[in-house]
């Protein structure tokens, strides 16, 4: 894959997977450029999200298997092991200020999911 210099306001979109590979109201993991990315199809809200897959609490690659829901209308994912919850929009930990995850822009075009970096 070609390396490209990216400016602050520039996003490079990478094809990640077909929409059929991500369960409705659930998540799955893809490997992009050596990095595990969790993709979430929040079909109840008609929204898609992408975050890093690693939960920073115990450095486990599990967030794609977490349960998604809302907290005060904020879409979130809960780590399946220790229940740390993270905003799918901002990556902020909603029940412990000491943690945060990376989030990525995401778009769906013609049944293909793209992640922006």
PDB file of N, CA and C in Angstrom:
ATOM      1  N   UNK A   1       0.840  -1.170   0.000  1.00  0.00           N
ATOM      2  CA  UNK A   1       0.000   0.000   0.000  1.00  0.00           C
ATOM      3  C   UNK A   1       0.894   1.245   0.000  1.00  0.00           C
ATOM      4  N   UNK A   2       0.542   2.230  -0.786  1.00  0.00           N
ATOM      5  CA  UNK A   2       1.335   3.442  -0.917  1.00  0.00           C
ATOM      6  C   UNK A   2       1.179   4.330   0.310  1.00  0.00           C
ATOM      7  N   UNK A   3       2.286   4.856   0.823  1.00  0.00           N
ATOM      8  CA  UNK A   3       2.257   5.792   1.938  1.00  0.00           C
ATOM      9  C   UNK A   3       2.067   7.192   1.393  1.00  0.00           C
ATOM     10  N   UNK A   4       1.227   7.972   2.058  1.00  0.00           N
ATOM     11  CA  UNK A   4       0.897   9.304   1.587  1.00  0.00           C
ATOM     12  C   UNK A   4       1.007  10.286   2.748  1.00  0.00           C
ATOM     13  N   UNK A   5       1.578  11.445   2.503  1.00  0.00           N
ATOM     14  CA  UNK A   5       1.633  12.489   3.512  1.00  0.00           C
ATOM     15  C   UNK A   5       0.242  13.095   3.642  1.00  0.00           C
ATOM     16  N   UNK A   6      -0.248  13.170   4.865  1.00  0.00           N
ATOM     17  CA  UNK A   6      -1.600  13.669   5.109  1.00  0.00           C
ATOM     18  C   UNK A   6      -1.528  14.982   5.876  1.00  0.00           C
ATOM     19  N   UNK A   7      -2.232  15.964   5.382  1.00  0.00           N
ATOM     20  CA  UNK A   7      -2.327  17.239   6.071  1.00  0.00           C
ATOM     21  C   UNK A   7      -3.466  17.161   7.073  1.00  0.00           C
ATOM     22  N   UNK A   8      -3.477  18.059   8.060  1.00  0.00           N
ATOM     23  CA  UNK A   8      -4.461  18.018   9.137  1.00  0.00           C
ATOM     24  C   UNK A   8      -5.895  17.880   8.632  1.00  0.00           C
ATOM     25  N   UNK A   9      -6.275  18.607   7.602  1.00  0.00           N
ATOM     26  CA  UNK A   9      -7.654  18.620   7.143  1.00  0.00           C
ATOM     27  C   UNK A   9      -7.931  17.571   6.064  1.00  0.00           C
ATOM     28  N   UNK A  10      -6.955  16.755   5.742  1.00  0.00           N
ATOM     29  CA  UNK A  10      -7.101  15.780   4.665  1.00  0.00           C
ATOM     30  C   UNK A  10      -7.319  14.381   5.238  1.00  0.00           C
ATOM     31  N   UNK A  11      -8.293  13.685   4.692  1.00  0.00           N
ATOM     32  CA  UNK A  11      -8.571  12.316   5.118  1.00  0.00           C
ATOM     33  C   UNK A  11      -8.340  11.389   3.933  1.00  0.00           C
ATOM     34  N   UNK A  12      -7.649  10.292   4.177  1.00  0.00           N
ATOM     35  CA  UNK A  12      -7.500   9.245   3.176  1.00  0.00           C
ATOM     36  C   UNK A  12      -8.436   8.119   3.573  1.00  0.00           C
ATOM     37  N   UNK A  13      -9.333   7.734   2.649  1.00  0.00           N
ATOM     38  CA  UNK A  13     -10.320   6.689   2.924  1.00  0.00           C
ATOM     39  C   UNK A  13      -9.780   5.337   2.481  1.00  0.00           C
ATOM     40  N   UNK A  14      -9.898   4.341   3.355  1.00  0.00           N
ATOM     41  CA  UNK A  14      -9.427   2.987   3.089  1.00  0.00           C
ATOM     42  C   UNK A  14     -10.612   2.031   3.112  1.00  0.00           C
ATOM     43  N   UNK A  15     -10.779   1.205   2.072  1.00  0.00           N
ATOM     44  CA  UNK A  15     -11.847   0.209   2.118  1.00  0.00           C
ATOM     45  C   UNK A  15     -11.564  -0.782   3.241  1.00  0.00           C
ATOM     46  N   UNK A  16     -12.593  -1.042   4.057  1.00  0.00           N
ATOM     47  CA  UNK A  16     -12.407  -1.922   5.212  1.00  0.00           C
ATOM     48  C   UNK A  16     -13.100  -3.269   5.020  1.00  0.00           C
ATOM     49  N   UNK A  17     -14.365  -3.247   4.598  1.00  0.00           N
ATOM     50  CA  UNK A  17     -15.118  -4.486   4.448  1.00  0.00           C
ATOM     51  C   UNK A  17     -16.476  -4.178   3.825  1.00  0.00           C
ATOM     52  N   UNK A  18     -17.193  -5.216   3.501  1.00  0.00           N
ATOM     53  CA  UNK A  18     -18.558  -5.080   3.019  1.00  0.00           C
ATOM     54  C   UNK A  18     -19.479  -4.922   4.229  1.00  0.00           C
ATOM     55  N   UNK A  19     -20.568  -4.174   4.082  1.00  0.00           N
ATOM     56  CA  UNK A  19     -21.495  -3.954   5.199  1.00  0.00           C
ATOM     57  C   UNK A  19     -22.058  -5.278   5.740  1.00  0.00           C
ATOM     58  N   UNK A  20     -22.184  -6.279   4.894  1.00  0.00           N
ATOM     59  CA  UNK A  20     -22.723  -7.571   5.324  1.00  0.00           C
ATOM     60  C   UNK A  20     -21.829  -8.268   6.350  1.00  0.00           C
ATOM     61  N   UNK A  21     -20.558  -7.859   6.455  1.00  0.00           N
ATOM     62  CA  UNK A  21     -19.625  -8.483   7.387  1.00  0.00           C
ATOM     63  C   UNK A  21     -19.730  -7.936   8.802  1.00  0.00           C
ATOM     64  N   UNK A  22     -20.513  -6.872   8.994  1.00  0.00           N
ATOM     65  CA  UNK A  22     -20.671  -6.274  10.323  1.00  0.00           C
ATOM     66  C   UNK A  22     -22.097  -6.546  10.793  1.00  0.00           C
ATOM     67  N   UNK A  23     -22.275  -7.241  11.915  1.00  0.00           N
ATOM     68  CA  UNK A  23     -23.635  -7.560  12.359  1.00  0.00           C
ATOM     69  C   UNK A  23     -24.424  -6.306  12.747  1.00  0.00           C
ATOM     70  N   UNK A  24     -25.726  -6.347  12.505  1.00  0.00           N
ATOM     71  CA  UNK A  24     -26.578  -5.239  12.923  1.00  0.00           C
ATOM     72  C   UNK A  24     -26.516  -5.100  14.441  1.00  0.00           C
ATOM     73  N   UNK A  25     -26.420  -3.861  14.898  1.00  0.00           N
ATOM     74  CA  UNK A  25     -26.327  -3.545  16.333  1.00  0.00           C
ATOM     75  C   UNK A  25     -25.193  -4.303  17.003  1.00  0.00           C
ATOM     76  N   UNK A  26     -24.086  -4.413  16.293  1.00  0.00           N
ATOM     77  CA  UNK A  26     -22.906  -5.084  16.815  1.00  0.00           C
ATOM     78  C   UNK A  26     -21.660  -4.592  16.122  1.00  0.00           C
ATOM     79  N   UNK A  27     -20.564  -5.291  16.350  1.00  0.00           N
ATOM     80  CA  UNK A  27     -19.299  -4.863  15.777  1.00  0.00           C
ATOM     81  C   UNK A  27     -18.473  -6.028  15.273  1.00  0.00           C
ATOM     82  N   UNK A  28     -17.401  -5.669  14.580  1.00  0.00           N
ATOM     83  CA  UNK A  28     -16.419  -6.631  14.088  1.00  0.00           C
ATOM     84  C   UNK A  28     -15.096  -5.891  13.955  1.00  0.00           C
ATOM     85  N   UNK A  29     -14.037  -6.642  13.825  1.00  0.00           N
ATOM     86  CA  UNK A  29     -12.700  -6.055  13.749  1.00  0.00           C
ATOM     87  C   UNK A  29     -12.107  -6.253  12.361  1.00  0.00           C
ATOM     88  N   UNK A  30     -11.416  -5.221  11.876  1.00  0.00           N
ATOM     89  CA  UNK A  30     -10.662  -5.321  10.630  1.00  0.00           C
ATOM     90  C   UNK A  30      -9.232  -4.883  10.912  1.00  0.00           C
ATOM     91  N   UNK A  31      -8.323  -5.326  10.075  1.00  0.00           N
ATOM     92  CA  UNK A  31      -6.917  -4.947  10.196  1.00  0.00           C
ATOM     93  C   UNK A  31      -6.601  -3.988   9.060  1.00  0.00           C
ATOM     94  N   UNK A  32      -6.266  -2.752   9.403  1.00  0.00           N
ATOM     95  CA  UNK A  32      -5.911  -1.731   8.407  1.00  0.00           C
ATOM     96  C   UNK A  32      -4.519  -1.204   8.713  1.00  0.00           C
ATOM     97  N   UNK A  33      -3.610  -1.407   7.795  1.00  0.00           N
ATOM     98  CA  UNK A  33      -2.256  -0.904   7.989  1.00  0.00           C
ATOM     99  C   UNK A  33      -1.604  -1.412   9.261  1.00  0.00           C
ATOM    100  N   UNK A  34      -1.892  -2.654   9.633  1.00  0.00           N
ATOM    101  CA  UNK A  34      -1.305  -3.235  10.837  1.00  0.00           C
ATOM    102  C   UNK A  34      -1.997  -2.835  12.126  1.00  0.00           C
ATOM    103  N   UNK A  35      -3.101  -2.112  12.026  1.00  0.00           N
ATOM    104  CA  UNK A  35      -3.821  -1.640  13.216  1.00  0.00           C
ATOM    105  C   UNK A  35      -5.218  -2.257  13.251  1.00  0.00           C
ATOM    106  N   UNK A  36      -5.600  -2.788  14.417  1.00  0.00           N
ATOM    107  CA  UNK A  36      -6.933  -3.355  14.571  1.00  0.00           C
ATOM    108  C   UNK A  36      -7.949  -2.230  14.785  1.00  0.00           C
ATOM    109  N   UNK A  37      -8.966  -2.190  13.911  1.00  0.00           N
ATOM    110  CA  UNK A  37     -10.020  -1.183  13.975  1.00  0.00           C
ATOM    111  C   UNK A  37     -11.346  -1.898  14.226  1.00  0.00           C
ATOM    112  N   UNK A  38     -12.077  -1.448  15.239  1.00  0.00           N
ATOM    113  CA  UNK A  38     -13.412  -1.973  15.528  1.00  0.00           C
ATOM    114  C   UNK A  38     -14.423  -1.146  14.735  1.00  0.00           C
ATOM    115  N   UNK A  39     -15.289  -1.831  14.012  1.00  0.00           N
ATOM    116  CA  UNK A  39     -16.341  -1.169  13.241  1.00  0.00           C
ATOM    117  C   UNK A  39     -17.677  -1.572  13.843  1.00  0.00           C
ATOM    118  N   UNK A  40     -18.539  -0.582  14.077  1.00  0.00           N
ATOM    119  CA  UNK A  40     -19.836  -0.826  14.696  1.00  0.00           C
ATOM    120  C   UNK A  40     -20.962  -0.377  13.776  1.00  0.00           C
ATOM    121  N   UNK A  41     -21.934  -1.261  13.580  1.00  0.00           N
ATOM    122  CA  UNK A  41     -23.138  -0.977  12.815  1.00  0.00           C
ATOM    123  C   UNK A  41     -24.263  -0.774  13.830  1.00  0.00           C
ATOM    124  N   UNK A  42     -24.490   0.482  14.222  1.00  0.00           N
ATOM    125  CA  UNK A  42     -25.525   0.803  15.203  1.00  0.00           C
ATOM    126  C   UNK A  42     -26.828   0.998  14.434  1.00  0.00           C
ATOM    127  N   UNK A  43     -27.388  -0.119  13.949  1.00  0.00           N
ATOM    128  CA  UNK A  43     -28.538  -0.053  13.036  1.00  0.00           C
ATOM    129  C   UNK A  43     -29.782   0.535  13.692  1.00  0.00           C
ATOM    130  N   UNK A  44     -29.943   0.390  15.001  1.00  0.00           N
ATOM    131  CA  UNK A  44     -31.098   0.992  15.683  1.00  0.00           C
ATOM    132  C   UNK A  44     -31.107   2.503  15.510  1.00  0.00           C
ATOM    133  N   UNK A  45     -29.922   3.096  15.360  1.00  0.00           N
ATOM    134  CA  UNK A  45     -29.797   4.544  15.176  1.00  0.00           C
ATOM    135  C   UNK A  45     -29.493   4.914  13.722  1.00  0.00           C
ATOM    136  N   UNK A  46     -29.239   3.903  12.880  1.00  0.00           N
ATOM    137  CA  UNK A  46     -28.879   4.175  11.493  1.00  0.00           C
ATOM    138  C   UNK A  46     -27.507   4.818  11.379  1.00  0.00           C
ATOM    139  N   UNK A  47     -26.574   4.437  12.271  1.00  0.00           N
ATOM    140  CA  UNK A  47     -25.250   5.067  12.332  1.00  0.00           C
ATOM    141  C   UNK A  47     -24.148   4.012  12.323  1.00  0.00           C
ATOM    142  N   UNK A  48     -22.982   4.414  11.817  1.00  0.00           N
ATOM    143  CA  UNK A  48     -21.785   3.580  11.796  1.00  0.00           C
ATOM    144  C   UNK A  48     -20.681   4.297  12.556  1.00  0.00           C
ATOM    145  N   UNK A  49     -19.831   3.525  13.257  1.00  0.00           N
ATOM    146  CA  UNK A  49     -18.715   4.089  14.016  1.00  0.00           C
ATOM    147  C   UNK A  49     -17.478   3.217  13.844  1.00  0.00           C
ATOM    148  N   UNK A  50     -16.318   3.839  14.024  1.00  0.00           N
ATOM    149  CA  UNK A  50     -15.052   3.106  13.990  1.00  0.00           C
ATOM    150  C   UNK A  50     -14.169   3.611  15.124  1.00  0.00           C
ATOM    151  N   UNK A  51     -13.575   2.679  15.855  1.00  0.00           N
ATOM    152  CA  UNK A  51     -12.670   3.020  16.953  1.00  0.00           C
ATOM    153  C   UNK A  51     -11.489   2.061  16.908  1.00  0.00           C
ATOM    154  N   UNK A  52     -10.485   2.351  17.720  1.00  0.00           N
ATOM    155  CA  UNK A  52      -9.438   1.347  17.888  1.00  0.00           C
ATOM    156  C   UNK A  52     -10.075   0.147  18.578  1.00  0.00           C
ATOM    157  N   UNK A  53      -9.526  -1.021  18.390  1.00  0.00           N
ATOM    158  CA  UNK A  53     -10.092  -2.236  18.970  1.00  0.00           C
ATOM    159  C   UNK A  53      -9.567  -2.505  20.372  1.00  0.00           C
ATOM    160  N   UNK A  54      -8.467  -1.877  20.744  1.00  0.00           N
ATOM    161  CA  UNK A  54      -7.859  -2.152  22.046  1.00  0.00           C
ATOM    162  C   UNK A  54      -8.529  -1.365  23.163  1.00  0.00           C
ATOM    163  N   UNK A  55      -8.955  -2.078  24.201  1.00  0.00           N
ATOM    164  CA  UNK A  55      -9.441  -1.418  25.411  1.00  0.00           C
ATOM    165  C   UNK A  55      -8.214  -1.005  26.218  1.00  0.00           C
ATOM    166  N   UNK A  56      -8.069   0.291  26.517  1.00  0.00           N
ATOM    167  CA  UNK A  56      -6.866   0.753  27.211  1.00  0.00           C
ATOM    168  C   UNK A  56      -6.799   0.330  28.677  1.00  0.00           C
ATOM    169  N   UNK A  57      -7.899  -0.134  29.230  1.00  0.00           N
ATOM    170  CA  UNK A  57      -7.921  -0.534  30.641  1.00  0.00           C
ATOM    171  C   UNK A  57      -6.975  -1.701  30.909  1.00  0.00           C
ATOM    172  N   UNK A  58      -7.037  -2.725  30.076  1.00  0.00           N
ATOM    173  CA  UNK A  58      -6.165  -3.894  30.248  1.00  0.00           C
ATOM    174  C   UNK A  58      -5.411  -4.257  28.979  1.00  0.00           C
ATOM    175  N   UNK A  59      -5.377  -3.330  28.013  1.00  0.00           N
ATOM    176  CA  UNK A  59      -4.688  -3.523  26.733  1.00  0.00           C
ATOM    177  C   UNK A  59      -5.109  -4.827  26.044  1.00  0.00           C
ATOM    178  N   UNK A  60      -6.411  -5.067  25.978  1.00  0.00           N
ATOM    179  CA  UNK A  60      -6.939  -6.248  25.305  1.00  0.00           C
ATOM    180  C   UNK A  60      -7.657  -5.818  24.026  1.00  0.00           C
ATOM    181  N   UNK A  61      -7.473  -6.579  22.952  1.00  0.00           N
ATOM    182  CA  UNK A  61      -8.099  -6.292  21.655  1.00  0.00           C
ATOM    183  C   UNK A  61      -9.508  -6.890  21.630  1.00  0.00           C
ATOM    184  N   UNK A  62     -10.464  -6.192  22.247  1.00  0.00           N
ATOM    185  CA  UNK A  62     -11.788  -6.787  22.435  1.00  0.00           C
ATOM    186  C   UNK A  62     -12.964  -5.853  22.163  1.00  0.00           C
ATOM    187  N   UNK A  63     -12.737  -4.593  21.922  1.00  0.00           N
ATOM    188  CA  UNK A  63     -13.863  -3.669  21.849  1.00  0.00           C
ATOM    189  C   UNK A  63     -14.864  -4.024  20.756  1.00  0.00           C
ATOM    190  N   UNK A  64     -14.411  -4.608  19.656  1.00  0.00           N
ATOM    191  CA  UNK A  64     -15.335  -4.971  18.579  1.00  0.00           C
ATOM    192  C   UNK A  64     -16.365  -5.996  19.045  1.00  0.00           C
ATOM    193  N   UNK A  65     -16.075  -6.711  20.119  1.00  0.00           N
ATOM    194  CA  UNK A  65     -17.007  -7.700  20.674  1.00  0.00           C
ATOM    195  C   UNK A  65     -17.850  -7.128  21.805  1.00  0.00           C
ATOM    196  N   UNK A  66     -17.696  -5.823  22.079  1.00  0.00           N
ATOM    197  CA  UNK A  66     -18.435  -5.205  23.163  1.00  0.00           C
ATOM    198  C   UNK A  66     -19.890  -4.944  22.814  1.00  0.00           C
ATOM    199  N   UNK A  67     -20.679  -4.662  23.838  1.00  0.00           N
ATOM    200  CA  UNK A  67     -22.095  -4.370  23.660  1.00  0.00           C
ATOM    201  C   UNK A  67     -22.257  -2.875  23.391  1.00  0.00           C
ATOM    202  N   UNK A  68     -23.041  -2.533  22.358  1.00  0.00           N
ATOM    203  CA  UNK A  68     -23.282  -1.129  22.069  1.00  0.00           C
ATOM    204  C   UNK A  68     -24.648  -0.725  22.609  1.00  0.00           C
ATOM    205  N   UNK A  69     -24.756   0.553  22.924  1.00  0.00           N
ATOM    206  CA  UNK A  69     -25.992   1.118  23.459  1.00  0.00           C
ATOM    207  C   UNK A  69     -25.855   2.622  23.550  1.00  0.00           C
ATOM    208  N   UNK A  70     -26.655   3.230  24.408  1.00  0.00           N
ATOM    209  CA  UNK A  70     -26.570   4.680  24.603  1.00  0.00           C
ATOM    210  C   UNK A  70     -26.539   5.008  26.084  1.00  0.00           C
ATOM    211  N   UNK A  71     -25.963   6.148  26.373  1.00  0.00           N
ATOM    212  CA  UNK A  71     -25.947   6.708  27.724  1.00  0.00           C
ATOM    213  C   UNK A  71     -26.274   8.181  27.561  1.00  0.00           C
ATOM    214  N   UNK A  72     -27.447   8.599  28.010  1.00  0.00           N
ATOM    215  CA  UNK A  72     -27.925   9.969  27.815  1.00  0.00           C
ATOM    216  C   UNK A  72     -27.853  10.353  26.340  1.00  0.00           C
ATOM    217  N   UNK A  73     -28.302   9.478  25.477  1.00  0.00           N
ATOM    218  CA  UNK A  73     -28.327   9.632  24.023  1.00  0.00           C
ATOM    219  C   UNK A  73     -26.940   9.613  23.376  1.00  0.00           C
ATOM    220  N   UNK A  74     -25.889   9.362  24.139  1.00  0.00           N
ATOM    221  CA  UNK A  74     -24.527   9.244  23.603  1.00  0.00           C
ATOM    222  C   UNK A  74     -24.294   7.788  23.201  1.00  0.00           C
ATOM    223  N   UNK A  75     -23.994   7.500  21.918  1.00  0.00           N
ATOM    224  CA  UNK A  75     -23.710   6.123  21.531  1.00  0.00           C
ATOM    225  C   UNK A  75     -22.422   5.645  22.190  1.00  0.00           C
ATOM    226  N   UNK A  76     -22.458   4.401  22.695  1.00  0.00           N
ATOM    227  CA  UNK A  76     -21.294   3.905  23.446  1.00  0.00           C
ATOM    228  C   UNK A  76     -21.077   2.430  23.173  1.00  0.00           C
ATOM    229  N   UNK A  77     -19.868   1.980  23.520  1.00  0.00           N
ATOM    230  CA  UNK A  77     -19.532   0.562  23.516  1.00  0.00           C
ATOM    231  C   UNK A  77     -18.968   0.230  24.887  1.00  0.00           C
ATOM    232  N   UNK A  78     -19.344  -0.943  25.406  1.00  0.00           N
ATOM    233  CA  UNK A  78     -18.835  -1.410  26.693  1.00  0.00           C
ATOM    234  C   UNK A  78     -17.855  -2.551  26.452  1.00  0.00           C
ATOM    235  N   UNK A  79     -16.695  -2.459  27.068  1.00  0.00           N
ATOM    236  CA  UNK A  79     -15.707  -3.538  26.982  1.00  0.00           C
ATOM    237  C   UNK A  79     -16.360  -4.823  27.498  1.00  0.00           C
ATOM    238  N   UNK A  80     -16.243  -5.925  26.758  1.00  0.00           N
ATOM    239  CA  UNK A  80     -16.911  -7.158  27.191  1.00  0.00           C
ATOM    240  C   UNK A  80     -16.324  -7.773  28.458  1.00  0.00           C
ATOM    241  N   UNK A  81     -15.133  -7.357  28.868  1.00  0.00           N
ATOM    242  CA  UNK A  81     -14.527  -7.955  30.053  1.00  0.00           C
ATOM    243  C   UNK A  81     -14.730  -7.154  31.326  1.00  0.00           C
ATOM    244  N   UNK A  82     -14.435  -5.861  31.293  1.00  0.00           N
ATOM    245  CA  UNK A  82     -14.455  -5.077  32.532  1.00  0.00           C
ATOM    246  C   UNK A  82     -15.458  -3.940  32.514  1.00  0.00           C
ATOM    247  N   UNK A  83     -16.275  -3.865  31.451  1.00  0.00           N
ATOM    248  CA  UNK A  83     -17.404  -2.935  31.341  1.00  0.00           C
ATOM    249  C   UNK A  83     -17.025  -1.457  31.353  1.00  0.00           C
ATOM    250  N   UNK A  84     -15.786  -1.129  31.014  1.00  0.00           N
ATOM    251  CA  UNK A  84     -15.471   0.283  30.774  1.00  0.00           C
ATOM    252  C   UNK A  84     -16.267   0.684  29.544  1.00  0.00           C
ATOM    253  N   UNK A  85     -16.924   1.836  29.568  1.00  0.00           N
ATOM    254  CA  UNK A  85     -17.743   2.256  28.435  1.00  0.00           C
ATOM    255  C   UNK A  85     -17.130   3.483  27.774  1.00  0.00           C
ATOM    256  N   UNK A  86     -17.139   3.480  26.447  1.00  0.00           N
ATOM    257  CA  UNK A  86     -16.509   4.533  25.665  1.00  0.00           C
ATOM    258  C   UNK A  86     -17.502   5.132  24.678  1.00  0.00           C
ATOM    259  N   UNK A  87     -17.457   6.453  24.532  1.00  0.00           N
ATOM    260  CA  UNK A  87     -18.275   7.129  23.531  1.00  0.00           C
ATOM    261  C   UNK A  87     -17.804   6.704  22.152  1.00  0.00           C
ATOM    262  N   UNK A  88     -18.743   6.316  21.304  1.00  0.00           N
ATOM    263  CA  UNK A  88     -18.387   5.953  19.936  1.00  0.00           C
ATOM    264  C   UNK A  88     -18.104   7.198  19.097  1.00  0.00           C
ATOM    265  N   UNK A  89     -18.536   8.365  19.566  1.00  0.00           N
ATOM    266  CA  UNK A  89     -18.281   9.615  18.840  1.00  0.00           C
ATOM    267  C   UNK A  89     -16.923  10.215  19.188  1.00  0.00           C
ATOM    268  N   UNK A  90     -16.613  10.297  20.485  1.00  0.00           N
ATOM    269  CA  UNK A  90     -15.405  11.013  20.919  1.00  0.00           C
ATOM    270  C   UNK A  90     -14.288  10.108  21.421  1.00  0.00           C
ATOM    271  N   UNK A  91     -14.630   8.871  21.809  1.00  0.00           N
ATOM    272  CA  UNK A  91     -13.639   7.969  22.392  1.00  0.00           C
ATOM    273  C   UNK A  91     -13.459   8.151  23.888  1.00  0.00           C
ATOM    274  N   UNK A  92     -14.113   9.163  24.472  1.00  0.00           N
ATOM    275  CA  UNK A  92     -13.988   9.402  25.914  1.00  0.00           C
ATOM    276  C   UNK A  92     -14.578   8.237  26.699  1.00  0.00           C
ATOM    277  N   UNK A  93     -13.922   7.868  27.805  1.00  0.00           N
ATOM    278  CA  UNK A  93     -14.453   6.843  28.689  1.00  0.00           C
ATOM    279  C   UNK A  93     -15.568   7.484  29.505  1.00  0.00           C
ATOM    280  N   UNK A  94     -16.733   6.877  29.516  1.00  0.00           N
ATOM    281  CA  UNK A  94     -17.906   7.458  30.163  1.00  0.00           C
ATOM    282  C   UNK A  94     -18.031   7.073  31.630  1.00  0.00           C
ATOM    283  N   UNK A  95     -17.215   6.136  32.095  1.00  0.00           N
ATOM    284  CA  UNK A  95     -17.285   5.756  33.508  1.00  0.00           C
ATOM    285  C   UNK A  95     -15.917   5.726  34.189  1.00  0.00           C
ATOM    286  N   UNK A  96     -14.910   6.370  33.572  1.00  0.00           N
ATOM    287  CA  UNK A  96     -13.587   6.490  34.189  1.00  0.00           C
ATOM    288  C   UNK A  96     -12.777   7.502  33.380  1.00  0.00           C
ATOM    289  N   UNK A  97     -12.522   8.657  33.945  1.00  0.00           N
ATOM    290  CA  UNK A  97     -11.823   9.730  33.222  1.00  0.00           C
ATOM    291  C   UNK A  97     -10.398   9.375  32.825  1.00  0.00           C
ATOM    292  N   UNK A  98      -9.854   8.287  33.335  1.00  0.00           N
ATOM    293  CA  UNK A  98      -8.463   7.952  33.071  1.00  0.00           C
ATOM    294  C   UNK A  98      -8.209   7.263  31.739  1.00  0.00           C
ATOM    295  N   UNK A  99      -9.255   7.001  30.945  1.00  0.00           N
ATOM    296  CA  UNK A  99      -9.080   6.250  29.708  1.00  0.00           C
ATOM    297  C   UNK A  99      -9.752   6.951  28.534  1.00  0.00           C
ATOM    298  N   UNK A 100      -9.240   6.674  27.340  1.00  0.00           N
ATOM    299  CA  UNK A 100      -9.805   7.198  26.096  1.00  0.00           C
ATOM    300  C   UNK A 100      -9.356   6.292  24.961  1.00  0.00           C
ATOM    301  N   UNK A 101     -10.202   6.173  23.937  1.00  0.00           N
ATOM    302  CA  UNK A 101      -9.833   5.394  22.764  1.00  0.00           C
ATOM    303  C   UNK A 101      -9.854   6.297  21.538  1.00  0.00           C
ATOM    304  N   UNK A 102      -9.119   5.888  20.522  1.00  0.00           N
ATOM    305  CA  UNK A 102      -9.114   6.631  19.256  1.00  0.00           C
ATOM    306  C   UNK A 102     -10.386   6.298  18.478  1.00  0.00           C
ATOM    307  N   UNK A 103     -10.930   7.299  17.807  1.00  0.00           N
ATOM    308  CA  UNK A 103     -12.069   7.098  16.913  1.00  0.00           C
ATOM    309  C   UNK A 103     -11.640   7.510  15.512  1.00  0.00           C
ATOM    310  N   UNK A 104     -12.336   6.991  14.513  1.00  0.00           N
ATOM    311  CA  UNK A 104     -11.989   7.250  13.119  1.00  0.00           C
ATOM    312  C   UNK A 104     -13.235   7.623  12.336  1.00  0.00           C
ATOM    313  N   UNK A 105     -13.090   8.509  11.337  1.00  0.00           N
ATOM    314  CA  UNK A 105     -14.222   8.782  10.455  1.00  0.00           C
ATOM    315  C   UNK A 105     -14.583   7.519   9.690  1.00  0.00           C
ATOM    316  N   UNK A 106     -15.862   7.367   9.404  1.00  0.00           N
ATOM    317  CA  UNK A 106     -16.338   6.176   8.709  1.00  0.00           C
ATOM    318  C   UNK A 106     -17.432   6.591   7.737  1.00  0.00           C
ATOM    319  N   UNK A 107     -17.489   5.905   6.609  1.00  0.00           N
ATOM    320  CA  UNK A 107     -18.576   6.147   5.660  1.00  0.00           C
ATOM    321  C   UNK A 107     -18.896   4.841   4.947  1.00  0.00           C
ATOM    322  N   UNK A 108     -20.140   4.754   4.477  1.00  0.00           N
ATOM    323  CA  UNK A 108     -20.596   3.588   3.736  1.00  0.00           C
ATOM    324  C   UNK A 108     -21.015   4.065   2.354  1.00  0.00           C
ATOM    325  N   UNK A 109     -20.424   3.447   1.328  1.00  0.00           N
ATOM    326  CA  UNK A 109     -20.740   3.767  -0.061  1.00  0.00           C
ATOM    327  C   UNK A 109     -20.957   2.450  -0.801  1.00  0.00           C
ATOM    328  N   UNK A 110     -22.146   2.278  -1.391  1.00  0.00           N
ATOM    329  CA  UNK A 110     -22.452   1.072  -2.172  1.00  0.00           C
ATOM    330  C   UNK A 110     -22.125  -0.215  -1.412  1.00  0.00           C
ATOM    331  N   UNK A 111     -22.591  -0.317  -0.183  1.00  0.00           N
ATOM    332  CA  UNK A 111     -22.403  -1.497   0.665  1.00  0.00           C
ATOM    333  C   UNK A 111     -20.949  -1.774   1.033  1.00  0.00           C
ATOM    334  N   UNK A 112     -20.086  -0.796   0.877  1.00  0.00           N
ATOM    335  CA  UNK A 112     -18.687  -0.932   1.280  1.00  0.00           C
ATOM    336  C   UNK A 112     -18.413   0.055   2.409  1.00  0.00           C
ATOM    337  N   UNK A 113     -17.745  -0.426   3.465  1.00  0.00           N
ATOM    338  CA  UNK A 113     -17.387   0.419   4.609  1.00  0.00           C
ATOM    339  C   UNK A 113     -15.986   0.949   4.388  1.00  0.00           C
ATOM    340  N   UNK A 114     -15.830   2.268   4.558  1.00  0.00           N
ATOM    341  CA  UNK A 114     -14.525   2.935   4.424  1.00  0.00           C
ATOM    342  C   UNK A 114     -14.170   3.602   5.746  1.00  0.00           C
ATOM    343  N   UNK A 115     -12.892   3.490   6.114  1.00  0.00           N
ATOM    344  CA  UNK A 115     -12.364   4.130   7.328  1.00  0.00           C
ATOM    345  C   UNK A 115     -11.412   5.234   6.891  1.00  0.00           C
ATOM    346  N   UNK A 116     -11.552   6.378   7.534  1.00  0.00           N
ATOM    347  CA  UNK A 116     -10.684   7.517   7.229  1.00  0.00           C
ATOM    348  C   UNK A 116      -9.548   7.654   8.215  1.00  0.00           C
ATOM    349  N   UNK A 117      -8.372   7.888   7.667  1.00  0.00           N
ATOM    350  CA  UNK A 117      -7.190   8.167   8.511  1.00  0.00           C
ATOM    351  C   UNK A 117      -6.515   9.414   8.014  1.00  0.00           C
TER     352      UNK A 117
END
